Amino acid sequence: MTKMRAALERAAAKVAMAAIAVMIAIEAAEAQQNPAPAEAPGRAAARDVVILVSIPDRKLAVVEGGQVTHTFPVAVGKQSTPSPSGEFTIVSRVVAPTYYHPGVVIPAGPQNPLGTRWIGLSKRGFGIHGTNQPRSIGKAASHGCIRMRRADLEQLFSLVRPGDVVSIRAERDEQIAAVFGGQNTPGTAEAAGAPGAAGSGAN
């Protein structure tokens, strides 16, 4: 009797194990046919980066999270072709750009008026770029674009992304005075552009 009971218990255990194995197999098959939805990727945190350009000061600052992280000297538009003022966004970043002008195409290289980088703005035809006239930096010398020295431009290029805001100010205000120093006094692009308006080439 004891042997029979032991045999029955062993048989019951085998049946139970087989049932569990079948259930596991069924669950695995269902999981393959109906996989759990993938977890939605979290949204990237919005960048709080503003490129602030002061035409009167002929300087550019990178403002991140309300803090100035970098400042650079720049060349701005001359009096006859002033830099546009307003709020724009970065729409493109180009390494070794080619310069195009009616009847003129200049490939990347030391003679290229755009230098080694182009940061295109949402205002068509305008951007931040290098120059083959480094002495124009700090002056009102361009056809409206913002020019930078090569090393400064390449550093800025690594810091910015499409969608970042570029605020170009034609007059000094409290924020400009706080970022670049000096008094909060009116100063227009024309007033700033009168001296040193030399240089042709690219924007």
Protein backbone atom coordinates (compact mmCIF):
# COMPACT_ATOMS: atom_id res chain seq x y z
CA MET A 1 0.00 0.00 0.00
CA THR A 2 2.83 2.36 0.88
CA LYS A 3 4.62 1.57 -2.38
CA MET A 4 1.44 2.25 -4.36
CA ARG A 5 0.91 5.58 -2.60
CA ALA A 6 4.50 6.58 -3.30
CA ALA A 7 4.11 5.66 -6.95
CA LEU A 8 0.89 7.67 -7.20
CA GLU A 9 2.56 10.67 -5.58
CA ARG A 10 5.48 10.47 -8.02
CA ALA A 11 3.06 10.26 -10.94
CA ALA A 12 1.09 13.26 -9.65
CA ALA A 13 4.29 15.25 -9.26
CA LYS A 14 5.27 14.45 -12.86
CA VAL A 15 1.84 15.55 -14.10
CA ALA A 16 2.10 18.79 -12.13
CA MET A 17 5.57 19.50 -13.48
CA ALA A 18 4.38 18.79 -17.02
CA ALA A 19 1.42 21.15 -16.53
CA ILE A 20 3.72 23.90 -15.28
CA ALA A 21 6.02 23.37 -18.25
CA VAL A 22 3.07 23.66 -20.64
CA MET A 23 1.90 26.87 -18.96
CA ILE A 24 5.40 28.39 -19.23
CA ALA A 25 5.58 27.45 -22.91
CA ILE A 26 2.17 29.02 -23.58
CA GLU A 27 3.12 32.23 -21.80
CA ALA A 28 6.39 32.43 -23.75
CA ALA A 29 4.57 31.96 -27.05
CA GLU A 30 2.03 34.64 -26.18
CA ALA A 31 4.80 37.03 -25.18
CA GLN A 32 6.45 36.57 -28.56
CA GLN A 33 3.19 37.18 -30.43
CA ASN A 34 2.14 40.11 -28.24
CA PRO A 35 5.29 41.74 -26.89
CA ALA A 36 4.92 44.33 -24.19
CA PRO A 37 4.95 47.85 -25.61
CA ALA A 38 8.38 49.43 -25.54
CA GLU A 39 8.78 52.15 -23.00
CA ALA A 40 8.46 55.51 -24.71
CA PRO A 41 11.78 57.29 -24.74
CA GLY A 42 11.84 60.33 -22.51
CA ARG A 43 11.86 63.70 -24.23
CA ALA A 44 15.22 65.37 -24.35
CA ALA A 45 15.37 68.31 -22.02
CA ALA A 46 14.86 71.58 -23.85
CA ARG A 47 18.12 73.47 -24.35
CA ASP A 48 18.29 76.80 -22.58
CA VAL A 49 20.95 78.29 -24.83
CA VAL A 50 20.88 81.78 -26.34
CA ILE A 51 23.54 83.31 -28.57
CA LEU A 52 23.50 87.02 -27.79
CA VAL A 53 25.11 89.43 -30.27
CA SER A 54 25.61 93.11 -29.46
CA ILE A 55 26.09 95.13 -32.63
CA PRO A 56 27.28 98.27 -30.75
CA ASP A 57 29.78 96.23 -28.73
CA ARG A 58 30.75 93.97 -31.66
CA LYS A 59 30.71 91.02 -29.33
CA LEU A 60 28.92 87.68 -29.07
CA ALA A 61 28.07 85.80 -25.88
CA VAL A 62 26.85 82.28 -25.22
CA VAL A 63 24.24 82.35 -22.46
CA GLU A 64 23.35 78.98 -20.97
CA GLY A 65 20.71 78.68 -18.29
CA GLY A 66 20.91 82.43 -17.73
CA GLN A 67 24.69 82.31 -17.22
CA VAL A 68 27.27 83.71 -19.64
CA THR A 69 29.68 80.88 -20.47
CA HIS A 70 31.68 82.38 -23.36
CA THR A 71 32.23 85.77 -25.00
CA PHE A 72 33.91 86.46 -28.33
CA PRO A 73 34.76 89.54 -30.41
CA VAL A 74 33.02 89.65 -33.79
CA ALA A 75 32.71 91.74 -36.93
CA VAL A 76 29.23 93.03 -37.72
CA GLY A 77 27.59 94.59 -40.76
CA LYS A 78 28.92 97.89 -42.03
CA GLN A 79 26.69 100.97 -42.19
CA SER A 80 25.55 100.33 -45.77
CA THR A 81 24.79 96.66 -45.10
CA PRO A 82 23.91 96.38 -41.39
CA SER A 83 23.42 93.11 -39.55
CA PRO A 84 19.75 92.29 -39.03
CA SER A 85 18.44 92.77 -35.52
CA GLY A 86 15.88 90.51 -33.88
CA GLU A 87 15.36 86.98 -32.66
CA PHE A 88 16.43 84.17 -34.99
CA THR A 89 17.20 80.47 -34.69
CA ILE A 90 20.06 78.33 -35.93
CA VAL A 91 18.90 76.22 -38.87
CA SER A 92 22.16 74.71 -40.16
CA ARG A 93 25.75 73.92 -39.25
CA VAL A 94 28.22 73.35 -42.09
CA VAL A 95 31.86 72.31 -41.89
CA ALA A 96 34.15 73.56 -44.69
CA PRO A 97 31.42 75.53 -46.50
CA THR A 98 31.63 76.55 -50.16
CA TYR A 99 31.17 80.25 -50.89
CA TYR A 100 28.61 81.06 -53.59
CA HIS A 101 28.06 84.52 -55.07
CA PRO A 102 26.68 85.39 -58.52
CA GLY A 103 29.45 84.38 -60.91
CA VAL A 104 31.77 83.27 -58.09
CA VAL A 105 32.27 79.89 -56.42
CA ILE A 106 35.08 79.51 -53.87
CA PRO A 107 35.64 76.02 -52.42
CA ALA A 108 36.73 75.40 -48.84
CA GLY A 109 40.25 76.62 -48.18
CA PRO A 110 42.27 79.62 -47.01
CA GLN A 111 40.75 81.94 -49.64
CA ASN A 112 37.17 81.12 -48.68
CA PRO A 113 35.50 84.23 -47.20
CA LEU A 114 33.34 82.03 -44.96
CA GLY A 115 36.25 80.42 -43.16
CA THR A 116 35.99 76.87 -41.86
CA ARG A 117 32.43 76.89 -40.49
CA TRP A 118 28.98 78.26 -41.34
CA ILE A 119 26.17 78.60 -38.78
CA GLY A 120 23.05 79.44 -40.77
CA LEU A 121 20.25 81.53 -39.28
CA SER A 122 16.53 81.44 -39.88
CA LYS A 123 16.87 84.79 -41.71
CA ARG A 124 17.79 83.57 -45.16
CA GLY A 125 21.26 84.48 -46.37
CA PHE A 126 22.56 85.42 -42.94
CA GLY A 127 24.72 83.47 -40.56
CA ILE A 128 27.72 83.35 -38.29
CA HIS A 129 30.94 82.35 -40.04
CA GLY A 130 34.67 82.73 -40.23
CA THR A 131 36.63 85.10 -42.43
CA ASN A 132 39.70 85.36 -44.60
CA GLN A 133 40.09 88.91 -43.25
CA PRO A 134 40.85 88.39 -39.54
CA ARG A 135 41.69 92.08 -39.11
CA SER A 136 38.02 92.89 -39.67
CA ILE A 137 37.10 91.35 -36.31
CA GLY A 138 35.97 94.02 -33.89
CA LYS A 139 34.83 96.29 -36.73
CA ALA A 140 31.70 97.00 -38.72
CA ALA A 141 32.96 95.36 -41.88
CA SER A 142 30.61 92.67 -43.19
CA HIS A 143 27.64 92.61 -45.52
CA GLY A 144 25.41 91.76 -42.57
CA CYS A 145 26.65 88.41 -41.30
CA ILE A 146 28.50 87.95 -38.03
CA ARG A 147 32.17 87.13 -38.57
CA MET A 148 34.46 85.43 -36.06
CA ARG A 149 38.07 84.40 -35.77
CA ARG A 150 38.68 80.80 -36.75
CA ALA A 151 39.42 79.40 -33.28
CA ASP A 152 36.49 81.28 -31.74
CA LEU A 153 34.11 80.17 -34.47
CA GLU A 154 35.12 76.52 -34.20
CA GLN A 155 34.60 76.65 -30.43
CA LEU A 156 31.17 78.26 -30.88
CA PHE A 157 30.29 75.69 -33.56
CA SER A 158 30.85 72.89 -31.03
CA LEU A 159 28.55 74.58 -28.50
CA VAL A 160 25.47 75.32 -30.59
CA ARG A 161 22.74 73.19 -32.13
CA PRO A 162 19.94 73.76 -34.65
CA GLY A 163 17.03 75.38 -32.86
CA ASP A 164 19.18 77.47 -30.53
CA VAL A 165 18.11 81.11 -30.37
CA VAL A 166 20.32 83.87 -31.76
CA SER A 167 19.38 87.32 -30.48
CA ILE A 168 21.03 90.16 -32.40
CA ARG A 169 20.65 93.56 -30.70
CA ALA A 170 21.15 96.84 -32.55
CA GLU A 171 20.98 98.89 -29.36
CA ARG A 172 22.34 98.53 -25.87
CA ASP A 173 19.86 97.65 -23.14
CA GLU A 174 20.07 96.38 -19.58
CA GLN A 175 20.84 92.81 -20.63
CA ILE A 176 23.56 93.90 -23.06
CA ALA A 177 25.10 96.12 -20.37
CA ALA A 178 24.97 93.26 -17.86
CA VAL A 179 26.58 90.77 -20.27
CA PHE A 180 29.18 92.93 -21.99
CA GLY A 181 29.71 95.68 -19.41
CA GLY A 182 29.54 99.41 -19.78
CA GLN A 183 26.64 101.78 -19.34
CA ASN A 184 23.11 101.14 -20.54
CA THR A 185 23.20 103.86 -23.17
CA PRO A 186 21.53 103.93 -26.59
CA GLY A 187 23.76 102.83 -29.42
CA THR A 188 22.55 101.98 -32.90
CA ALA A 189 24.11 99.82 -35.57
CA GLU A 190 24.82 102.93 -37.65
CA ALA A 191 26.59 104.68 -34.79
CA ALA A 192 28.63 101.59 -34.05
CA GLY A 193 29.36 100.97 -37.72
CA ALA A 194 30.83 104.30 -38.72
CA PRO A 195 34.51 103.71 -37.85
CA GLY A 196 36.47 100.83 -39.29
CA ALA A 197 33.88 99.92 -41.91
CA ALA A 198 36.45 98.21 -44.09
CA GLY A 199 36.51 94.91 -45.89
CA SER A 200 34.53 93.27 -48.62
CA GLY A 201 34.34 89.55 -49.27
CA ALA A 202 31.56 87.49 -47.70
CA ASN A 203 28.73 88.62 -45.52
